[in-house]
Amino acid sequence: MLQDRAERWPSGWSMALLTGSSVFRVRIRNVSRTGLRFSGPVPPRPGIKVAFHAMGQKVQARVVRCEQDGGALHFRHPISAAQLETLRQYTMLDS
């Protein structure tokens, strides 16, 4: 049986993905309440746990797909509507 996938929104937001020992600078391609696709360096392998900050809160996720130019994350808990709005509308400059 097919499951409905959460609605995805385009984004150009750049951020740091944090693992236990590394930081990966990536750019979001699209985002939903349950996950996102990104371009940039790819964490080591699917299944690795990562985190990032959105609106001052830590969002925990796991890598579910790795591609040559990016990958995809599944959030541990769905993000809030406000976090989704932030991630889909604003581009953060590298700081």
C-alpha atoms as a PDB file:
ATOM      1  CA  MET A   1       0.000   0.000   0.000  1.00  0.00           C
ATOM      2  CA  LEU A   2       1.338   3.422  -0.926  1.00  0.00           C
ATOM      3  CA  GLN A   3       1.728   6.038   1.776  1.00  0.00           C
ATOM      4  CA  ASP A   4       1.094   9.706   1.130  1.00  0.00           C
ATOM      5  CA  ARG A   5       4.324  11.675   1.295  1.00  0.00           C
ATOM      6  CA  ALA A   6       4.397  14.968   3.173  1.00  0.00           C
ATOM      7  CA  GLU A   7       4.139  18.023   0.932  1.00  0.00           C
ATOM      8  CA  ARG A   8       7.620  19.279   0.010  1.00  0.00           C
ATOM      9  CA  TRP A   9       8.634  22.898  -0.474  1.00  0.00           C
ATOM     10  CA  PRO A  10      11.666  24.261  -2.352  1.00  0.00           C
ATOM     11  CA  SER A  11      14.381  25.994  -0.359  1.00  0.00           C
ATOM     12  CA  GLY A  12      17.769  27.604  -0.805  1.00  0.00           C
ATOM     13  CA  TRP A  13      18.628  27.678   2.907  1.00  0.00           C
ATOM     14  CA  SER A  14      22.218  26.777   3.775  1.00  0.00           C
ATOM     15  CA  MET A  15      23.082  25.197   7.097  1.00  0.00           C
ATOM     16  CA  ALA A  16      25.529  23.070   9.021  1.00  0.00           C
ATOM     17  CA  LEU A  17      24.748  19.391   9.547  1.00  0.00           C
ATOM     18  CA  LEU A  18      26.397  18.205  12.733  1.00  0.00           C
ATOM     19  CA  THR A  19      27.540  14.646  13.420  1.00  0.00           C
ATOM     20  CA  GLY A  20      29.322  13.527  16.555  1.00  0.00           C
ATOM     21  CA  SER A  21      32.683  14.501  15.086  1.00  0.00           C
ATOM     22  CA  SER A  22      32.145  16.532  11.884  1.00  0.00           C
ATOM     23  CA  VAL A  23      30.328  19.520  10.422  1.00  0.00           C
ATOM     24  CA  PHE A  24      28.972  19.438   6.861  1.00  0.00           C
ATOM     25  CA  ARG A  25      27.893  22.691   5.144  1.00  0.00           C
ATOM     26  CA  VAL A  26      24.905  21.902   2.920  1.00  0.00           C
ATOM     27  CA  ARG A  27      22.107  23.677   1.043  1.00  0.00           C
ATOM     28  CA  ILE A  28      18.508  22.477   1.343  1.00  0.00           C
ATOM     29  CA  ARG A  29      16.863  21.559  -1.987  1.00  0.00           C
ATOM     30  CA  ASN A  30      13.409  20.866  -0.568  1.00  0.00           C
ATOM     31  CA  VAL A  31      11.894  20.409   2.873  1.00  0.00           C
ATOM     32  CA  SER A  32       8.758  18.951   4.465  1.00  0.00           C
ATOM     33  CA  ARG A  33       7.653  18.538   8.082  1.00  0.00           C
ATOM     34  CA  THR A  34       9.262  15.070   8.147  1.00  0.00           C
ATOM     35  CA  GLY A  35      12.510  15.471   6.207  1.00  0.00           C
ATOM     36  CA  LEU A  36      14.581  17.240   3.583  1.00  0.00           C
ATOM     37  CA  ARG A  37      16.861  16.771   0.577  1.00  0.00           C
ATOM     38  CA  PHE A  38      20.152  18.623   0.465  1.00  0.00           C
ATOM     39  CA  SER A  39      23.066  19.283  -1.861  1.00  0.00           C
ATOM     40  CA  GLY A  40      26.670  19.432  -0.753  1.00  0.00           C
ATOM     41  CA  PRO A  41      29.059  17.109   1.075  1.00  0.00           C
ATOM     42  CA  VAL A  42      27.448  13.874   2.151  1.00  0.00           C
ATOM     43  CA  PRO A  43      27.802  12.444   5.664  1.00  0.00           C
ATOM     44  CA  PRO A  44      29.496   9.026   5.701  1.00  0.00           C
ATOM     45  CA  ARG A  45      26.553   6.679   5.102  1.00  0.00           C
ATOM     46  CA  PRO A  46      22.791   6.161   5.414  1.00  0.00           C
ATOM     47  CA  GLY A  47      21.722   5.575   8.998  1.00  0.00           C
ATOM     48  CA  ILE A  48      24.149   8.094  10.520  1.00  0.00           C
ATOM     49  CA  LYS A  49      22.526  10.492  12.986  1.00  0.00           C
ATOM     50  CA  VAL A  50      22.885  14.214  12.346  1.00  0.00           C
ATOM     51  CA  ALA A  51      21.471  17.415  13.800  1.00  0.00           C
ATOM     52  CA  PHE A  52      21.018  21.051  12.766  1.00  0.00           C
ATOM     53  CA  HIS A  53      19.497  24.174  14.284  1.00  0.00           C
ATOM     54  CA  ALA A  54      16.261  25.813  13.140  1.00  0.00           C
ATOM     55  CA  MET A  55      14.851  28.795  15.005  1.00  0.00           C
ATOM     56  CA  GLY A  56      17.253  28.198  17.874  1.00  0.00           C
ATOM     57  CA  GLN A  57      16.136  24.606  18.377  1.00  0.00           C
ATOM     58  CA  LYS A  58      18.134  21.474  17.666  1.00  0.00           C
ATOM     59  CA  VAL A  59      16.520  19.214  15.053  1.00  0.00           C
ATOM     60  CA  GLN A  60      17.677  15.607  15.110  1.00  0.00           C
ATOM     61  CA  ALA A  61      17.596  13.515  11.948  1.00  0.00           C
ATOM     62  CA  ARG A  62      19.073  10.474  10.276  1.00  0.00           C
ATOM     63  CA  VAL A  63      20.594  10.206   6.797  1.00  0.00           C
ATOM     64  CA  VAL A  64      18.290   8.038   4.667  1.00  0.00           C
ATOM     65  CA  ARG A  65      19.891   8.486   1.234  1.00  0.00           C
ATOM     66  CA  CYS A  66      23.278   9.483  -0.139  1.00  0.00           C
ATOM     67  CA  GLU A  67      23.812  10.639  -3.711  1.00  0.00           C
ATOM     68  CA  GLN A  68      26.850  11.928  -5.549  1.00  0.00           C
ATOM     69  CA  ASP A  69      25.930  15.562  -4.869  1.00  0.00           C
ATOM     70  CA  GLY A  70      23.895  15.378  -1.669  1.00  0.00           C
ATOM     71  CA  GLY A  71      21.416  13.272   0.227  1.00  0.00           C
ATOM     72  CA  ALA A  72      18.203  13.114   2.219  1.00  0.00           C
ATOM     73  CA  LEU A  73      17.320  13.282   5.908  1.00  0.00           C
ATOM     74  CA  HIS A  74      14.365  11.994   7.922  1.00  0.00           C
ATOM     75  CA  PHE A  75      13.635  14.040  11.048  1.00  0.00           C
ATOM     76  CA  ARG A  76      13.362  12.223  14.374  1.00  0.00           C
ATOM     77  CA  HIS A  77      10.223  14.282  15.087  1.00  0.00           C
ATOM     78  CA  PRO A  78       8.275  16.391  12.579  1.00  0.00           C
ATOM     79  CA  ILE A  79       9.354  20.037  12.637  1.00  0.00           C
ATOM     80  CA  SER A  80       6.911  22.761  13.634  1.00  0.00           C
ATOM     81  CA  ALA A  81       4.970  24.811  11.121  1.00  0.00           C
ATOM     82  CA  ALA A  82       7.102  27.856  12.040  1.00  0.00           C
ATOM     83  CA  GLN A  83      10.357  25.927  11.473  1.00  0.00           C
ATOM     84  CA  LEU A  84       9.048  24.701   8.111  1.00  0.00           C
ATOM     85  CA  GLU A  85       8.164  28.259   7.074  1.00  0.00           C
ATOM     86  CA  THR A  86      11.647  29.431   8.057  1.00  0.00           C
ATOM     87  CA  LEU A  87      13.470  26.651   6.224  1.00  0.00           C
ATOM     88  CA  ARG A  88      11.451  27.058   3.048  1.00  0.00           C
ATOM     89  CA  GLN A  89      11.582  30.831   2.727  1.00  0.00           C
ATOM     90  CA  TYR A  90      14.897  32.174   3.940  1.00  0.00           C
ATOM     91  CA  THR A  91      18.401  31.735   2.660  1.00  0.00           C
ATOM     92  CA  MET A  92      21.015  31.920   5.401  1.00  0.00           C
ATOM     93  CA  LEU A  93      24.372  33.225   4.288  1.00  0.00           C
ATOM     94  CA  ASP A  94      27.420  31.303   5.431  1.00  0.00           C
ATOM     95  CA  SER A  95      28.582  32.799   8.700  1.00  0.00           C
END
